[in-house]
Protein backbone atom coordinates (compact mmCIF):
# COMPACT_ATOMS: atom_id res chain seq x y z
CA UNK A 1 25.11 -6.07 8.46
CA UNK A 2 26.25 -5.37 4.99
CA UNK A 3 28.12 -2.31 4.14
CA UNK A 4 26.03 -1.53 0.45
CA UNK A 5 24.22 1.18 0.52
CA UNK A 6 20.53 0.62 -0.62
CA UNK A 7 19.04 3.65 -0.30
CA UNK A 8 20.79 7.16 -0.56
CA UNK A 9 19.35 10.81 -0.09
CA UNK A 10 20.74 13.77 -1.03
CA UNK A 11 19.01 17.07 -0.02
CA UNK A 12 15.41 15.76 -1.02
CA UNK A 13 12.74 18.19 -0.74
CA UNK A 14 9.07 17.96 -1.31
CA UNK A 15 6.53 20.55 -0.74
CA UNK A 16 2.39 20.56 -1.26
CA UNK A 17 0.44 23.90 -2.45
CA UNK A 18 3.80 26.11 -1.22
CA UNK A 19 3.64 23.93 2.90
CA UNK A 20 7.50 22.15 3.05
CA UNK A 21 6.57 18.41 3.61
CA UNK A 22 10.75 17.67 3.26
CA UNK A 23 13.02 19.66 3.61
CA UNK A 24 16.71 18.96 1.95
CA UNK A 25 16.82 15.88 3.76
CA UNK A 26 20.02 14.18 3.32
CA UNK A 27 20.44 10.43 4.52
CA UNK A 28 21.79 6.54 3.53
CA UNK A 29 20.80 3.81 4.71
CA UNK A 30 22.52 0.18 4.43
CA UNK A 31 21.88 -3.59 3.62
CA UNK A 32 20.63 -5.01 6.30
CA UNK A 33 19.52 -1.83 8.78
CA UNK A 34 16.47 -1.88 11.06
CA UNK A 35 15.66 1.90 11.17
CA UNK A 36 12.52 3.38 12.47
CA UNK A 37 10.82 7.05 11.81
CA UNK A 38 9.80 8.43 14.23
CA UNK A 39 8.14 12.10 15.02
CA UNK A 40 5.01 14.07 15.40
CA UNK A 41 2.25 13.86 13.30
CA UNK A 42 2.70 16.10 10.12
CA UNK A 43 6.34 16.46 10.51
CA UNK A 44 6.76 14.28 6.55
CA UNK A 45 7.42 10.18 7.60
CA UNK A 46 4.52 9.44 5.00
CA UNK A 47 6.18 11.97 2.27
CA UNK A 48 9.10 10.09 2.79
CA UNK A 49 8.13 6.85 2.57
CA UNK A 50 5.91 7.42 -0.07
CA UNK A 51 8.89 9.35 -2.17
CA UNK A 52 10.92 6.08 -1.62
CA UNK A 53 8.05 3.88 -2.47
CA UNK A 54 7.46 5.75 -5.83
CA UNK A 55 4.56 7.15 -5.40
CA UNK A 56 5.43 11.07 -4.72
CA UNK A 57 7.60 12.67 -6.98
CA UNK A 58 10.41 15.10 -5.21
CA UNK A 59 10.68 18.52 -6.01
CA UNK A 60 14.28 18.80 -5.91
CA UNK A 61 17.52 16.52 -5.06
CA UNK A 62 18.30 12.93 -5.76
CA UNK A 63 17.09 9.38 -4.42
CA UNK A 64 19.20 6.97 -5.31
CA UNK A 65 17.77 3.02 -4.65
CA UNK A 66 20.51 0.09 -5.17
CA UNK A 67 23.20 2.76 -6.63
CA UNK A 68 20.22 3.45 -9.00
CA UNK A 69 18.06 7.33 -9.38
CA UNK A 70 14.20 5.92 -8.66
CA UNK A 71 13.40 7.95 -11.58
CA UNK A 72 15.58 5.29 -13.90
CA UNK A 73 13.17 2.61 -12.36
CA UNK A 74 10.01 1.12 -14.36
CA UNK A 75 6.87 0.36 -12.20
CA UNK A 76 6.48 -3.78 -12.32
CA UNK A 77 9.15 -6.66 -11.38
CA UNK A 78 12.20 -4.50 -11.32
CA UNK A 79 11.30 -2.21 -8.74
CA UNK A 80 9.10 -4.53 -6.96
CA UNK A 81 12.08 -6.78 -6.63
CA UNK A 82 13.70 -4.01 -4.55
CA UNK A 83 11.39 -2.09 -2.90
CA UNK A 84 7.66 -3.52 -0.88
CA UNK A 85 5.35 -1.85 1.21
CA UNK A 86 3.12 -2.66 4.24
CA UNK A 87 0.92 -0.28 5.49
CA UNK A 88 -1.55 0.82 8.86
CA UNK A 89 -4.58 -0.28 6.35
CA UNK A 90 -3.03 -3.85 4.94
CA UNK A 91 -4.35 -3.22 1.18
CA UNK A 92 -6.34 -6.61 1.54
CA UNK A 93 -9.22 -7.54 -0.20
CA UNK A 94 -11.45 -8.42 2.10
CA UNK A 95 -13.87 -10.65 0.17
CA UNK A 96 -10.97 -12.75 -1.04
CA UNK A 97 -9.53 -15.44 0.31
CA UNK A 98 -6.34 -14.88 2.20
CA UNK A 99 -4.08 -17.60 -0.19
CA UNK A 100 -5.37 -14.75 -2.99
CA UNK A 101 -3.88 -11.88 -1.18
CA UNK A 102 -1.05 -13.58 -0.46
CA UNK A 103 0.33 -14.33 -3.92
CA UNK A 104 -0.80 -10.81 -4.80
CA UNK A 105 2.97 -10.84 -4.00
CA UNK A 106 3.88 -12.54 -7.28
CA UNK A 107 1.17 -9.94 -9.97
CA UNK A 108 4.11 -7.71 -10.68
CA UNK A 109 6.18 -11.00 -12.12
CA UNK A 110 2.96 -12.78 -13.35
CA UNK A 111 1.24 -11.68 -16.92
CA UNK A 112 -2.46 -11.16 -16.63
CA UNK A 113 -3.49 -14.13 -17.99
CA UNK A 114 -1.35 -16.28 -15.24
CA UNK A 115 -3.26 -13.45 -12.61
CA UNK A 116 -6.55 -14.00 -14.18
CA UNK A 117 -5.80 -17.72 -13.85
CA UNK A 118 -4.64 -17.40 -10.23
CA UNK A 119 -7.79 -15.97 -8.88
CA UNK A 120 -9.72 -19.45 -9.71
CA UNK A 121 -6.72 -21.73 -9.09
CA UNK A 122 -4.03 -20.53 -6.78
CA UNK A 123 -0.46 -20.15 -8.90
CA UNK A 124 2.63 -21.26 -6.70
CA UNK A 125 0.45 -22.44 -3.88
CA UNK A 126 3.79 -23.32 -2.37
CA UNK A 127 4.91 -20.62 -2.17
CA UNK A 128 1.76 -18.92 -0.60
CA UNK A 129 1.68 -21.52 2.11
CA UNK A 130 5.04 -21.65 3.26
CA UNK A 131 4.76 -18.11 3.92
CA UNK A 132 1.74 -18.64 5.51
CA UNK A 133 3.22 -20.90 7.94
CA UNK A 134 6.06 -18.72 8.84
CA UNK A 135 4.06 -16.04 10.25
CA UNK A 136 1.50 -18.51 11.48
CA UNK A 137 -1.20 -18.83 9.70
CA UNK A 138 -0.97 -22.00 8.01
CA UNK A 139 -4.39 -23.13 9.16
CA UNK A 140 -5.87 -19.29 7.55
CA UNK A 141 -4.76 -20.05 3.79
CA UNK A 142 -8.23 -20.63 2.32
CA UNK A 143 -10.03 -18.33 5.03
CA UNK A 144 -12.26 -15.35 3.69
CA UNK A 145 -9.60 -12.75 4.41
CA UNK A 146 -11.78 -10.17 5.79
CA UNK A 147 -12.97 -12.41 8.75
CA UNK A 148 -9.16 -12.43 10.20
CA UNK A 149 -8.59 -10.07 12.74
CA UNK A 150 -6.75 -7.10 12.82
CA UNK A 151 -3.65 -9.19 13.71
CA UNK A 152 -3.83 -11.64 11.37
CA UNK A 153 -4.93 -8.91 8.60
CA UNK A 154 -1.30 -7.91 9.27
CA UNK A 155 0.57 -10.81 9.15
CA UNK A 156 -1.40 -11.76 5.91
CA UNK A 157 0.26 -8.34 4.59
CA UNK A 158 3.28 -9.32 6.54
CA UNK A 159 3.05 -13.10 4.19
CA UNK A 160 2.55 -11.23 0.82
CA UNK A 161 5.62 -9.31 1.20
CA UNK A 162 7.28 -12.38 1.69
CA UNK A 163 6.10 -13.41 -1.49
CA UNK A 164 7.36 -10.54 -3.35
CA UNK A 165 10.67 -11.05 -1.40
CA UNK A 166 11.92 -6.94 -1.60
CA UNK A 167 15.61 -5.68 -0.85
CA UNK A 168 14.04 -3.28 0.88
CA UNK A 169 10.42 -3.26 3.17
CA UNK A 170 8.81 -0.05 4.11
CA UNK A 171 6.58 -0.01 6.92
CA UNK A 172 3.97 3.25 7.16
CA UNK A 173 2.84 2.57 10.89
CA UNK A 174 1.84 -1.03 10.40
CA UNK A 175 0.71 -1.68 13.96
CA UNK A 176 -0.75 1.86 14.60
CA UNK A 177 -4.06 -0.14 14.63
CA UNK A 178 -3.50 -2.91 16.37
CA UNK A 179 -3.82 -3.48 20.49
CA UNK A 180 -0.39 -3.66 22.33
CA UNK A 181 0.17 -7.27 22.46
CA UNK A 182 -0.94 -7.62 18.87
CA UNK A 183 1.77 -5.03 17.63
CA UNK A 184 4.62 -6.27 19.68
CA UNK A 185 3.70 -9.84 17.99
CA UNK A 186 3.26 -8.02 14.53
CA UNK A 187 6.63 -6.01 15.26
CA UNK A 188 8.90 -9.49 16.53
CA UNK A 189 7.78 -11.72 13.55
CA UNK A 190 8.52 -8.49 11.18
CA UNK A 191 11.88 -7.59 12.30
CA UNK A 192 12.55 -11.79 12.62
CA UNK A 193 11.61 -12.24 8.88
CA UNK A 194 13.57 -9.31 7.73
CA UNK A 195 16.95 -9.94 9.77
CA UNK A 196 16.95 -13.68 8.52
CA UNK A 197 16.19 -12.68 5.09
CA UNK A 198 18.98 -9.78 5.19
CA UNK A 199 16.72 -7.67 4.08
CA UNK A 200 16.60 -4.03 4.98
CA UNK A 201 13.55 -2.67 6.77
CA UNK A 202 12.20 1.58 7.58
CA UNK A 203 9.22 1.50 9.43
CA UNK A 204 7.51 4.59 10.84
CA UNK A 205 5.95 4.62 14.32
CA UNK A 206 4.00 6.83 16.76
CA UNK A 207 5.40 4.42 19.77
CA UNK A 208 8.73 5.25 20.75
CA UNK A 209 8.68 2.07 23.09
CA UNK A 210 8.51 0.18 19.85
CA UNK A 211 11.10 1.55 18.13
CA UNK A 212 13.34 1.46 21.33
CA UNK A 213 12.76 -2.07 21.09
CA UNK A 214 12.73 -3.70 17.90
CA UNK A 215 15.13 -1.07 15.55
CA UNK A 216 18.75 -0.74 16.11
CA UNK A 217 18.76 2.99 15.00
CA UNK A 218 16.41 5.83 14.86
CA UNK A 219 15.80 8.82 12.47
CA UNK A 220 13.75 11.36 13.89
CA UNK A 221 11.77 14.31 11.75
CA UNK A 222 10.26 17.51 12.49
CA UNK A 223 8.86 20.15 10.19
CA UNK A 224 10.34 17.99 7.53
CA UNK A 225 14.16 18.10 8.79
CA UNK A 226 15.87 15.85 10.68
CA UNK A 227 15.85 16.64 14.12
CA UNK A 228 18.34 13.51 14.91
CA UNK A 229 19.88 10.21 13.11
CA UNK A 230 21.43 7.87 15.79
CA UNK A 231 22.27 4.11 16.61
CA UNK A 232 19.13 3.71 18.86
CA UNK A 233 20.80 3.37 22.66
CA UNK A 234 22.00 6.58 21.69
CA UNK A 235 18.47 8.20 21.51
CA UNK A 236 17.85 9.69 25.11
CA UNK A 237 14.77 11.36 26.69
CA UNK A 238 16.20 14.29 26.38
CA UNK A 239 15.90 14.53 22.43
CA UNK A 240 12.90 12.41 22.86
CA UNK A 241 11.42 15.54 24.93
CA UNK A 242 12.78 17.95 22.74
CA UNK A 243 11.51 16.15 19.19
CA UNK A 244 8.06 16.12 20.68
CA UNK A 245 7.58 19.56 22.44
CA UNK A 246 4.98 21.84 21.12
CA UNK A 247 5.93 25.64 19.77
CA UNK A 248 4.97 27.63 22.87
CA UNK A 249 2.18 30.02 22.43
CA UNK A 250 2.94 33.63 21.66
């Protein structure tokens, strides 16, 4: 793993209508790390990922992506090469063929006319087919995306990310809508590809079991604050019990 810092957060804070979502978070992430983000519902996991994705502005603090403040990035090609996102809902266009959803990973690079042309005649088709081959869906290249199973659709979303090829992948509950067998399959494939491509992965998860199985570091949030940030092997059952413990009613 590289010692290059790809994400550096210093006292980042975000609140919505007076409610604190993130409270003075500070952490750094190195290139190649596989990090699981865990914590109770409402702890701030999705807000943190959306902040790193440039979708939610901070109220205070500094967030650096590859040594540059996130506010300095222009949306489009430059940021798309730094950060890519995969979500629980897959963000796919169901009526389109699989290949078109995969090639959406190229839209930040292509101009308007090339993007439009690709809807008629897929451009850079071999790039999409190679990505689909790596996720085991080459035979589904021209199928309508909506006809695929949930697990297959999540693999299409992974292939789209491979085509985009960002340095950092943010995964927001990527397997929450899948059954355990397919969730295992998707996480195994995702972490394998990220490792092979020397990318960095930060994934929010409900399942502590998956966090321990597939990730090397676990950051936990509770009430918008970092509760612990440890190598996976140092995360004890006692810490996890305390993390998910509900406040006693007074």
